[in-house]
Amino acid sequence: MDFNNLNMADMFGKMADMQQKMKEAQENLEKQTTTAEAGGGMVKVTVNGKMQVTSVKIEKEVVDPADVELLEDLIVAGVNKALTDASERAKDAMQQAAGLPTGLDLNNLDLGKFGF
């Protein structure tokens, strides 16, 4: 690599641009929501891009005092599905802001040596 032509000001400018894009992507994630269903739509859970549950809707038919465990299981399944979906959307948004292709699996990269 030829370090003689390395323009530090240009490099830092690009880094600042990328940081701004990442910040904007994070702010946009707060506004985005993902809704997941469990039990064939009997339980619906909505989460935002900050991984906060914003809504839980339960159909009356699934509320059975004799089978509370079923309702608990449906809520857990709905929350987990919504969080997984929101996490994927957030990862894709951050990768796009960083200029990386969406859907890239960064979990298989050994980034530990770089401090990640």
N, C-alpha and C. Protein backbone atom coordinates (compact mmCIF):
# COMPACT_ATOMS: atom_id res chain seq x y z
N MET A 1 0.85 -1.18 0.00
CA MET A 1 0.00 0.00 0.00
C MET A 1 0.88 1.23 0.00
N ASP A 2 0.55 2.20 -0.78
CA ASP A 2 1.31 3.43 -0.91
C ASP A 2 0.78 4.45 0.10
N PHE A 3 1.53 4.65 1.17
CA PHE A 3 1.11 5.58 2.21
C PHE A 3 1.46 7.03 1.89
N ASN A 4 2.24 7.25 0.83
CA ASN A 4 2.61 8.61 0.46
C ASN A 4 1.41 9.41 -0.02
N ASN A 5 0.45 8.74 -0.64
CA ASN A 5 -0.72 9.44 -1.17
C ASN A 5 -1.91 9.43 -0.21
N LEU A 6 -1.67 8.95 0.99
CA LEU A 6 -2.74 8.87 1.99
C LEU A 6 -3.09 10.27 2.47
N ASN A 7 -4.30 10.68 2.25
CA ASN A 7 -4.76 12.00 2.64
C ASN A 7 -5.52 11.86 3.96
N MET A 8 -4.86 12.22 5.06
CA MET A 8 -5.46 12.05 6.38
C MET A 8 -6.72 12.90 6.55
N ALA A 9 -6.71 14.10 6.01
CA ALA A 9 -7.89 14.97 6.14
C ALA A 9 -9.09 14.35 5.44
N ASP A 10 -8.84 13.78 4.27
CA ASP A 10 -9.92 13.12 3.52
C ASP A 10 -10.43 11.91 4.28
N MET A 11 -9.51 11.14 4.85
CA MET A 11 -9.89 9.95 5.60
C MET A 11 -10.72 10.33 6.83
N PHE A 12 -10.29 11.35 7.56
CA PHE A 12 -11.05 11.77 8.74
C PHE A 12 -12.40 12.37 8.34
N GLY A 13 -12.45 13.03 7.21
CA GLY A 13 -13.72 13.56 6.71
C GLY A 13 -14.71 12.44 6.40
N LYS A 14 -14.21 11.37 5.79
CA LYS A 14 -15.06 10.22 5.49
C LYS A 14 -15.53 9.54 6.77
N MET A 15 -14.64 9.48 7.76
CA MET A 15 -15.02 8.89 9.04
C MET A 15 -16.11 9.72 9.71
N ALA A 16 -15.99 11.03 9.65
CA ALA A 16 -17.00 11.91 10.24
C ALA A 16 -18.34 11.75 9.52
N ASP A 17 -18.29 11.61 8.19
CA ASP A 17 -19.52 11.38 7.42
C ASP A 17 -20.18 10.07 7.84
N MET A 18 -19.36 9.03 7.99
CA MET A 18 -19.90 7.73 8.37
C MET A 18 -20.50 7.80 9.78
N GLN A 19 -19.83 8.50 10.70
CA GLN A 19 -20.37 8.64 12.05
C GLN A 19 -21.71 9.36 12.02
N GLN A 20 -21.84 10.37 11.19
CA GLN A 20 -23.10 11.10 11.08
C GLN A 20 -24.19 10.19 10.53
N LYS A 21 -23.85 9.39 9.52
CA LYS A 21 -24.82 8.46 8.95
C LYS A 21 -25.25 7.42 9.98
N MET A 22 -24.31 6.96 10.79
CA MET A 22 -24.63 5.98 11.83
C MET A 22 -25.57 6.60 12.87
N LYS A 23 -25.28 7.84 13.25
CA LYS A 23 -26.13 8.54 14.22
C LYS A 23 -27.55 8.70 13.67
N GLU A 24 -27.65 9.11 12.41
CA GLU A 24 -28.96 9.28 11.78
C GLU A 24 -29.70 7.94 11.70
N ALA A 25 -28.97 6.88 11.40
CA ALA A 25 -29.60 5.55 11.33
C ALA A 25 -30.13 5.14 12.69
N GLN A 26 -29.37 5.42 13.76
CA GLN A 26 -29.83 5.09 15.11
C GLN A 26 -31.08 5.89 15.46
N GLU A 27 -31.10 7.16 15.10
CA GLU A 27 -32.27 7.99 15.38
C GLU A 27 -33.49 7.48 14.60
N ASN A 28 -33.28 7.06 13.38
CA ASN A 28 -34.39 6.52 12.58
C ASN A 28 -34.91 5.21 13.15
N LEU A 29 -34.01 4.41 13.73
CA LEU A 29 -34.43 3.14 14.31
C LEU A 29 -35.41 3.36 15.46
N GLU A 30 -35.23 4.44 16.21
CA GLU A 30 -36.13 4.72 17.33
C GLU A 30 -37.56 4.90 16.84
N LYS A 31 -37.71 5.37 15.61
CA LYS A 31 -39.03 5.64 15.05
C LYS A 31 -39.65 4.42 14.38
N GLN A 32 -38.83 3.45 14.04
CA GLN A 32 -39.32 2.26 13.34
C GLN A 32 -39.87 1.25 14.34
N THR A 33 -40.93 0.57 13.95
CA THR A 33 -41.48 -0.48 14.79
C THR A 33 -41.61 -1.77 13.98
N THR A 34 -41.58 -2.86 14.71
CA THR A 34 -41.76 -4.18 14.13
C THR A 34 -42.81 -4.90 14.97
N THR A 35 -43.78 -5.51 14.31
CA THR A 35 -44.82 -6.26 15.01
C THR A 35 -44.71 -7.73 14.63
N ALA A 36 -44.74 -8.59 15.65
CA ALA A 36 -44.70 -10.03 15.42
C ALA A 36 -45.92 -10.66 16.07
N GLU A 37 -46.33 -11.78 15.52
CA GLU A 37 -47.51 -12.48 16.02
C GLU A 37 -47.12 -13.85 16.55
N ALA A 38 -47.90 -14.32 17.52
CA ALA A 38 -47.74 -15.68 18.03
C ALA A 38 -49.14 -16.27 18.18
N GLY A 39 -49.21 -17.59 18.11
CA GLY A 39 -50.50 -18.25 18.25
C GLY A 39 -51.46 -17.91 17.14
N GLY A 40 -50.95 -17.81 15.93
CA GLY A 40 -51.81 -17.50 14.80
C GLY A 40 -52.45 -16.13 14.88
N GLY A 41 -51.73 -15.19 15.47
CA GLY A 41 -52.24 -13.82 15.57
C GLY A 41 -53.00 -13.53 16.86
N MET A 42 -53.05 -14.51 17.75
CA MET A 42 -53.76 -14.30 19.01
C MET A 42 -53.02 -13.32 19.92
N VAL A 43 -51.70 -13.28 19.79
CA VAL A 43 -50.87 -12.32 20.54
C VAL A 43 -50.03 -11.56 19.53
N LYS A 44 -50.05 -10.24 19.62
CA LYS A 44 -49.25 -9.38 18.74
C LYS A 44 -48.39 -8.48 19.62
N VAL A 45 -47.09 -8.47 19.32
CA VAL A 45 -46.13 -7.68 20.09
C VAL A 45 -45.42 -6.73 19.14
N THR A 46 -45.35 -5.46 19.54
CA THR A 46 -44.66 -4.44 18.75
C THR A 46 -43.46 -3.93 19.54
N VAL A 47 -42.31 -3.86 18.87
CA VAL A 47 -41.10 -3.30 19.49
C VAL A 47 -40.55 -2.24 18.56
N ASN A 48 -39.78 -1.31 19.14
CA ASN A 48 -39.13 -0.29 18.31
C ASN A 48 -37.68 -0.69 18.06
N GLY A 49 -36.98 0.13 17.32
CA GLY A 49 -35.60 -0.15 16.96
C GLY A 49 -34.62 -0.10 18.11
N LYS A 50 -35.08 0.42 19.25
CA LYS A 50 -34.23 0.43 20.45
C LYS A 50 -34.48 -0.82 21.30
N MET A 51 -35.21 -1.78 20.72
CA MET A 51 -35.53 -3.05 21.36
C MET A 51 -36.42 -2.87 22.59
N GLN A 52 -37.31 -1.89 22.53
CA GLN A 52 -38.27 -1.66 23.61
C GLN A 52 -39.64 -2.13 23.15
N VAL A 53 -40.32 -2.90 24.00
CA VAL A 53 -41.67 -3.33 23.69
C VAL A 53 -42.58 -2.11 23.82
N THR A 54 -43.30 -1.80 22.76
CA THR A 54 -44.18 -0.63 22.77
C THR A 54 -45.65 -1.00 22.83
N SER A 55 -45.97 -2.26 22.52
CA SER A 55 -47.38 -2.66 22.52
C SER A 55 -47.49 -4.18 22.60
N VAL A 56 -48.47 -4.64 23.37
CA VAL A 56 -48.84 -6.05 23.40
C VAL A 56 -50.36 -6.12 23.26
N LYS A 57 -50.82 -6.82 22.25
CA LYS A 57 -52.26 -7.00 22.01
C LYS A 57 -52.59 -8.48 22.16
N ILE A 58 -53.63 -8.77 22.94
CA ILE A 58 -54.03 -10.15 23.20
C ILE A 58 -55.51 -10.30 22.86
N GLU A 59 -55.82 -11.25 22.00
CA GLU A 59 -57.21 -11.54 21.66
C GLU A 59 -57.91 -12.17 22.87
N LYS A 60 -59.14 -11.79 23.10
CA LYS A 60 -59.89 -12.27 24.26
C LYS A 60 -60.01 -13.79 24.29
N GLU A 61 -60.07 -14.40 23.12
CA GLU A 61 -60.26 -15.85 23.05
C GLU A 61 -59.11 -16.64 23.68
N VAL A 62 -57.94 -16.04 23.75
CA VAL A 62 -56.78 -16.76 24.28
C VAL A 62 -56.65 -16.59 25.80
N VAL A 63 -57.45 -15.70 26.38
CA VAL A 63 -57.39 -15.47 27.82
C VAL A 63 -58.28 -16.50 28.51
N ASP A 64 -57.64 -17.51 29.07
CA ASP A 64 -58.35 -18.59 29.77
C ASP A 64 -57.73 -18.73 31.15
N PRO A 65 -58.46 -18.35 32.20
CA PRO A 65 -57.91 -18.45 33.56
C PRO A 65 -57.44 -19.86 33.91
N ALA A 66 -57.98 -20.86 33.25
CA ALA A 66 -57.58 -22.24 33.53
C ALA A 66 -56.29 -22.62 32.81
N ASP A 67 -55.83 -21.77 31.87
CA ASP A 67 -54.62 -22.09 31.10
C ASP A 67 -53.76 -20.84 30.93
N VAL A 68 -53.33 -20.29 32.05
CA VAL A 68 -52.49 -19.10 32.04
C VAL A 68 -51.15 -19.39 31.36
N GLU A 69 -50.67 -20.62 31.51
CA GLU A 69 -49.37 -20.99 30.94
C GLU A 69 -49.35 -20.82 29.42
N LEU A 70 -50.44 -21.13 28.74
CA LEU A 70 -50.51 -20.95 27.30
C LEU A 70 -50.34 -19.48 26.93
N LEU A 71 -51.04 -18.61 27.64
CA LEU A 71 -50.93 -17.17 27.38
C LEU A 71 -49.51 -16.68 27.63
N GLU A 72 -48.90 -17.15 28.71
CA GLU A 72 -47.52 -16.76 29.00
C GLU A 72 -46.58 -17.20 27.88
N ASP A 73 -46.76 -18.43 27.41
CA ASP A 73 -45.92 -18.94 26.32
C ASP A 73 -46.09 -18.13 25.04
N LEU A 74 -47.34 -17.75 24.74
CA LEU A 74 -47.60 -16.95 23.54
C LEU A 74 -46.96 -15.57 23.64
N ILE A 75 -47.02 -14.97 24.82
CA ILE A 75 -46.41 -13.65 25.01
C ILE A 75 -44.89 -13.75 24.84
N VAL A 76 -44.29 -14.75 25.46
CA VAL A 76 -42.84 -14.93 25.33
C VAL A 76 -42.46 -15.14 23.86
N ALA A 77 -43.21 -15.98 23.16
CA ALA A 77 -42.91 -16.25 21.74
C ALA A 77 -43.06 -14.97 20.92
N GLY A 78 -44.10 -14.20 21.18
CA GLY A 78 -44.31 -12.96 20.43
C GLY A 78 -43.21 -11.94 20.68
N VAL A 79 -42.82 -11.79 21.95
CA VAL A 79 -41.76 -10.84 22.29
C VAL A 79 -40.44 -11.26 21.65
N ASN A 80 -40.11 -12.53 21.77
CA ASN A 80 -38.85 -13.00 21.19
C ASN A 80 -38.81 -12.83 19.67
N LYS A 81 -39.91 -13.12 19.00
CA LYS A 81 -39.97 -12.96 17.54
C LYS A 81 -39.83 -11.50 17.16
N ALA A 82 -40.54 -10.62 17.87
CA ALA A 82 -40.47 -9.19 17.56
C ALA A 82 -39.06 -8.65 17.79
N LEU A 83 -38.42 -9.07 18.88
CA LEU A 83 -37.06 -8.60 19.17
C LEU A 83 -36.07 -9.11 18.13
N THR A 84 -36.22 -10.35 17.70
CA THR A 84 -35.35 -10.90 16.67
C THR A 84 -35.51 -10.12 15.36
N ASP A 85 -36.76 -9.87 14.98
CA ASP A 85 -37.02 -9.12 13.75
C ASP A 85 -36.45 -7.70 13.83
N ALA A 86 -36.67 -7.03 14.97
CA ALA A 86 -36.17 -5.66 15.15
C ALA A 86 -34.65 -5.63 15.15
N SER A 87 -34.04 -6.64 15.74
CA SER A 87 -32.58 -6.71 15.78
C SER A 87 -32.00 -6.86 14.37
N GLU A 88 -32.63 -7.67 13.54
CA GLU A 88 -32.18 -7.84 12.16
C GLU A 88 -32.32 -6.53 11.38
N ARG A 89 -33.44 -5.85 11.58
CA ARG A 89 -33.64 -4.57 10.89
C ARG A 89 -32.59 -3.55 11.34
N ALA A 90 -32.30 -3.53 12.64
CA ALA A 90 -31.31 -2.59 13.16
C ALA A 90 -29.93 -2.90 12.60
N LYS A 91 -29.59 -4.19 12.56
CA LYS A 91 -28.28 -4.59 12.03
C LYS A 91 -28.16 -4.17 10.56
N ASP A 92 -29.20 -4.41 9.79
CA ASP A 92 -29.18 -4.03 8.38
C ASP A 92 -29.05 -2.51 8.21
N ALA A 93 -29.76 -1.75 9.05
CA ALA A 93 -29.70 -0.29 8.96
C ALA A 93 -28.30 0.22 9.29
N MET A 94 -27.67 -0.36 10.30
CA MET A 94 -26.32 0.06 10.68
C MET A 94 -25.31 -0.32 9.60
N GLN A 95 -25.47 -1.49 9.02
CA GLN A 95 -24.56 -1.91 7.95
C GLN A 95 -24.70 -1.00 6.74
N GLN A 96 -25.93 -0.64 6.42
CA GLN A 96 -26.17 0.25 5.29
C GLN A 96 -25.55 1.62 5.56
N ALA A 97 -25.70 2.12 6.79
CA ALA A 97 -25.12 3.42 7.14
C ALA A 97 -23.60 3.39 7.07
N ALA A 98 -23.02 2.22 7.36
CA ALA A 98 -21.56 2.08 7.32
C ALA A 98 -21.06 1.78 5.91
N GLY A 99 -21.98 1.67 4.97
CA GLY A 99 -21.58 1.39 3.59
C GLY A 99 -21.34 -0.08 3.31
N LEU A 100 -21.82 -0.95 4.20
CA LEU A 100 -21.68 -2.39 4.01
C LEU A 100 -22.96 -2.94 3.41
N PRO A 101 -22.89 -4.05 2.69
CA PRO A 101 -24.11 -4.64 2.14
C PRO A 101 -24.99 -5.18 3.26
N THR A 102 -26.31 -4.98 3.15
CA THR A 102 -27.22 -5.50 4.16
C THR A 102 -27.27 -7.01 4.07
N GLY A 103 -27.58 -7.64 5.20
CA GLY A 103 -27.65 -9.09 5.24
C GLY A 103 -26.30 -9.75 5.46
N LEU A 104 -25.25 -8.96 5.55
CA LEU A 104 -23.90 -9.48 5.78
C LEU A 104 -23.83 -10.04 7.19
N ASP A 105 -23.35 -11.27 7.34
CA ASP A 105 -23.26 -11.90 8.66
C ASP A 105 -21.91 -11.55 9.27
N LEU A 106 -21.92 -10.55 10.14
CA LEU A 106 -20.69 -10.11 10.79
C LEU A 106 -20.30 -11.01 11.96
N ASN A 107 -21.19 -11.92 12.36
CA ASN A 107 -20.89 -12.80 13.49
C ASN A 107 -19.77 -13.77 13.19
N ASN A 108 -19.56 -14.09 11.92
CA ASN A 108 -18.53 -15.06 11.56
C ASN A 108 -17.15 -14.43 11.37
N LEU A 109 -17.08 -13.12 11.46
CA LEU A 109 -15.79 -12.45 11.32
C LEU A 109 -15.10 -12.38 12.67
N ASP A 110 -13.81 -12.63 12.70
CA ASP A 110 -13.04 -12.54 13.94
C ASP A 110 -12.56 -11.10 14.10
N LEU A 111 -13.40 -10.27 14.73
CA LEU A 111 -13.06 -8.86 14.90
C LEU A 111 -12.41 -8.59 16.25
N GLY A 112 -12.19 -9.63 17.04
CA GLY A 112 -11.61 -9.46 18.36
C GLY A 112 -10.24 -8.81 18.34
N LYS A 113 -9.45 -9.12 17.33
CA LYS A 113 -8.11 -8.54 17.25
C LYS A 113 -8.15 -7.05 16.92
N PHE A 114 -9.32 -6.57 16.49
CA PHE A 114 -9.48 -5.15 16.20
C PHE A 114 -10.15 -4.41 17.34
N GLY A 115 -10.41 -5.11 18.44
CA GLY A 115 -11.01 -4.46 19.60
C GLY A 115 -12.52 -4.47 19.61
N PHE A 116 -13.16 -5.27 18.76
CA PHE A 116 -14.62 -5.35 18.72
C PHE A 116 -15.11 -6.57 19.48
